Protein backbone atom coordinates (compact mmCIF):
# COMPACT_ATOMS: atom_id res chain seq x y z
CA MET A 1 17.47 -8.35 34.59
CA ILE A 2 20.00 -11.18 34.38
CA HIS A 3 22.71 -8.76 33.27
CA ALA A 4 21.78 -6.38 36.09
CA HIS A 5 21.95 -9.19 38.63
CA ALA A 6 25.25 -10.49 37.29
CA THR A 7 26.88 -7.06 37.23
CA GLY A 8 25.27 -5.69 40.38
CA THR A 9 23.61 -2.83 38.50
CA ALA A 10 20.06 -1.58 38.62
CA THR A 11 17.53 -2.71 36.04
CA THR A 12 15.84 -0.16 33.81
CA ASP A 13 12.62 -0.71 35.79
CA ASP A 14 14.53 -0.02 39.02
CA LEU A 15 15.89 3.24 37.60
CA HIS A 16 12.46 4.34 36.39
CA ARG A 17 10.84 3.43 39.73
CA TRP A 18 13.51 5.30 41.71
CA VAL A 19 13.28 8.43 39.57
CA ARG A 20 9.47 8.46 39.89
CA ARG A 21 9.78 8.03 43.68
CA ASP A 22 12.46 10.70 44.07
CA SER A 23 10.69 13.25 41.87
CA GLU A 24 7.11 12.95 43.14
CA ALA A 25 7.20 16.28 45.01
CA PHE A 26 8.87 18.00 42.06
CA LEU A 27 6.29 16.71 39.58
CA ARG A 28 3.45 17.79 41.89
CA ARG A 29 4.87 21.33 41.72
CA HIS A 30 5.48 21.09 37.95
CA PRO A 31 2.86 18.71 36.53
CA VAL A 32 3.32 17.22 33.09
CA PRO A 33 0.59 15.54 31.08
CA GLY A 34 0.41 11.80 30.64
CA PRO A 35 0.10 10.07 27.30
CA ALA A 36 -2.77 11.38 25.20
CA PRO A 37 -3.49 9.74 21.87
CA HIS A 38 -2.36 11.73 18.85
CA GLN A 39 -1.41 14.93 20.64
CA LEU A 40 1.60 16.20 22.47
CA GLY A 41 2.14 19.73 23.71
CA LEU A 42 5.71 20.22 24.90
CA ARG A 43 5.20 23.51 26.77
CA PRO A 44 4.51 21.91 30.20
CA PHE A 45 7.59 19.70 29.77
CA GLU A 46 9.76 22.67 28.80
CA THR A 47 8.51 24.65 31.81
CA ALA A 48 9.17 21.76 34.19
CA LEU A 49 12.61 21.17 32.64
CA ASP A 50 13.49 24.85 33.14
CA HIS A 51 12.78 24.40 36.86
CA ALA A 52 14.64 21.10 37.27
CA ALA A 53 17.54 21.58 39.67
CA THR A 54 18.96 18.05 39.70
CA PRO A 55 19.66 15.34 37.13
CA VAL A 56 16.92 13.23 38.74
CA GLU A 57 14.33 15.99 38.29
CA ALA A 58 15.44 16.60 34.70
CA SER A 59 15.31 12.86 34.02
CA ALA A 60 11.81 12.64 35.47
CA VAL A 61 10.62 15.36 33.06
CA VAL A 62 12.31 13.75 30.03
CA LEU A 63 10.91 10.31 30.95
CA ALA A 64 7.43 11.81 31.24
CA ALA A 65 7.84 13.47 27.82
CA LEU A 66 9.06 10.21 26.27
CA ASP A 67 6.15 8.32 27.82
CA ALA A 68 3.71 10.93 26.50
CA ALA A 69 5.27 10.85 23.03
CA GLU A 70 5.78 7.10 22.78
CA GLN A 71 2.40 6.24 21.26
CA VAL A 72 2.53 9.14 18.80
CA VAL A 73 6.07 8.16 17.70
CA HIS A 74 5.10 4.51 17.30
CA ASP A 75 1.99 5.46 15.35
CA LEU A 76 4.01 7.77 13.08
CA SER A 77 6.67 5.09 12.59
CA THR A 78 4.01 2.54 11.61
CA PHE A 79 2.37 5.08 9.32
CA LEU A 80 5.67 5.75 7.51
CA LEU A 81 6.36 2.03 7.21
CA HIS A 82 2.96 1.48 5.64
CA ALA A 83 3.38 4.56 3.45
CA GLY A 84 6.48 2.95 1.98
CA TYR A 85 4.34 0.03 0.83
CA ARG A 86 1.94 2.36 -1.01
CA TYR A 87 4.34 2.37 -3.95
CA PRO A 88 3.21 -0.86 -5.65
CA ARG A 89 6.22 -1.40 -7.88
CA PRO A 90 9.55 0.25 -7.51
CA ALA A 91 9.83 2.71 -10.36
CA GLN A 92 13.01 4.74 -10.60
CA ASN A 93 11.72 7.56 -8.33
CA THR A 94 9.49 5.58 -5.99
CA ALA A 95 12.17 3.04 -4.97
CA GLY A 96 14.14 5.83 -3.30
CA SER A 97 11.00 7.23 -1.68
CA ARG A 98 10.10 3.81 -0.30
CA LYS A 99 13.55 3.37 1.26
CA GLN A 100 13.50 6.89 2.69
CA LEU A 101 10.12 6.32 4.32
CA TRP A 102 11.29 3.02 5.80
CA SER A 103 14.49 4.66 7.00
CA ALA A 104 12.50 7.48 8.62
CA SER A 105 10.23 4.90 10.26
CA SER A 106 13.11 3.05 11.87
CA GLY A 107 14.91 6.34 12.62
CA LEU A 108 12.02 7.53 14.78
CA LEU A 109 12.19 4.38 16.88
CA ALA A 110 15.98 4.59 17.05
CA ALA A 111 15.73 8.20 18.26
CA LEU A 112 13.27 7.16 20.98
CA ALA A 113 15.63 4.37 22.05
CA ALA A 114 18.64 6.73 22.03
CA ALA A 115 16.79 9.23 24.23
CA ASP A 116 15.88 6.43 26.63
CA ASP A 117 19.53 5.30 26.71
CA GLY A 118 20.63 8.87 27.48
CA ILE A 119 18.26 9.03 30.44
CA LYS A 120 19.40 5.61 31.62
CA THR A 121 23.03 6.81 31.53
CA ALA A 122 22.16 9.90 33.58
CA LEU A 123 20.23 7.84 36.11
CA ARG A 124 23.01 5.29 36.45
CA ALA A 125 25.36 8.15 37.35
CA GLU A 126 22.93 9.10 40.13
CA TYR A 127 21.90 5.69 41.43
CA ASP A 128 24.57 3.10 40.53
CA LEU A 129 27.89 3.10 42.34
CA PRO A 130 30.96 2.79 40.15
CA PRO A 131 32.45 -0.74 40.33
CA ALA A 132 35.50 0.53 42.28
CA ARG A 133 33.24 1.84 45.09
CA LYS A 134 31.01 -1.25 45.39
CA ARG A 135 31.38 -3.38 48.48
CA THR A 136 32.96 -6.78 48.01
CA VAL A 137 32.86 -9.93 50.06
CA SER A 138 35.57 -12.52 49.39
CA GLY A 139 36.32 -10.98 46.01
CA ARG A 140 32.68 -11.05 44.81
CA THR A 141 30.99 -7.80 43.89
CA LEU A 142 27.71 -7.19 45.69
CA PRO A 143 24.83 -5.28 44.14
CA PRO A 144 24.36 -1.75 45.47
CA SER A 145 22.11 -1.51 48.46
CA SER A 146 18.64 -0.79 47.23
CA PRO A 147 16.63 2.18 48.42
CA PRO A 148 13.59 1.36 50.58
CA VAL A 149 11.17 -0.89 48.75
CA THR A 150 8.34 1.08 47.21
CA PRO A 151 5.63 -0.28 44.98
CA PRO A 152 6.05 0.71 41.34
CA ALA A 153 4.18 3.83 40.37
CA PRO A 154 1.19 3.21 38.10
CA ARG A 155 1.86 3.89 34.43
CA PRO A 156 -0.41 6.63 33.06
């Protein structure tokens, strides 16, 4: 938030709130499931993504999929981390297996973070003005004018 304030850019929460607000009608027409423990069917997300006509609509679908998958990915990452510890002493074959499981564990979380960064980049292109187009007053850059204040949408 400090960086966003200092640079006049939107926070991640702002971006998520705006995309939820601007895609409410779209998601009513193309509903996607919320997080469900230990299951994730991608068909509704794929269908909604096929119908997305704007980057905001596509971002809303991907954010919903990431939210739905987050718990499963975290659980799988933790499982792989713990699986790596199931090899009590590093023998010649199990040392490599341990490292591969730990690498896969961190890779899952890195992939989730990379997907979130990709969405954030797309949303910034839609909602944040480039620095050259931002208004300035006495040489100071002002933050972009915010859309009307709306309460944050409840997290499923």
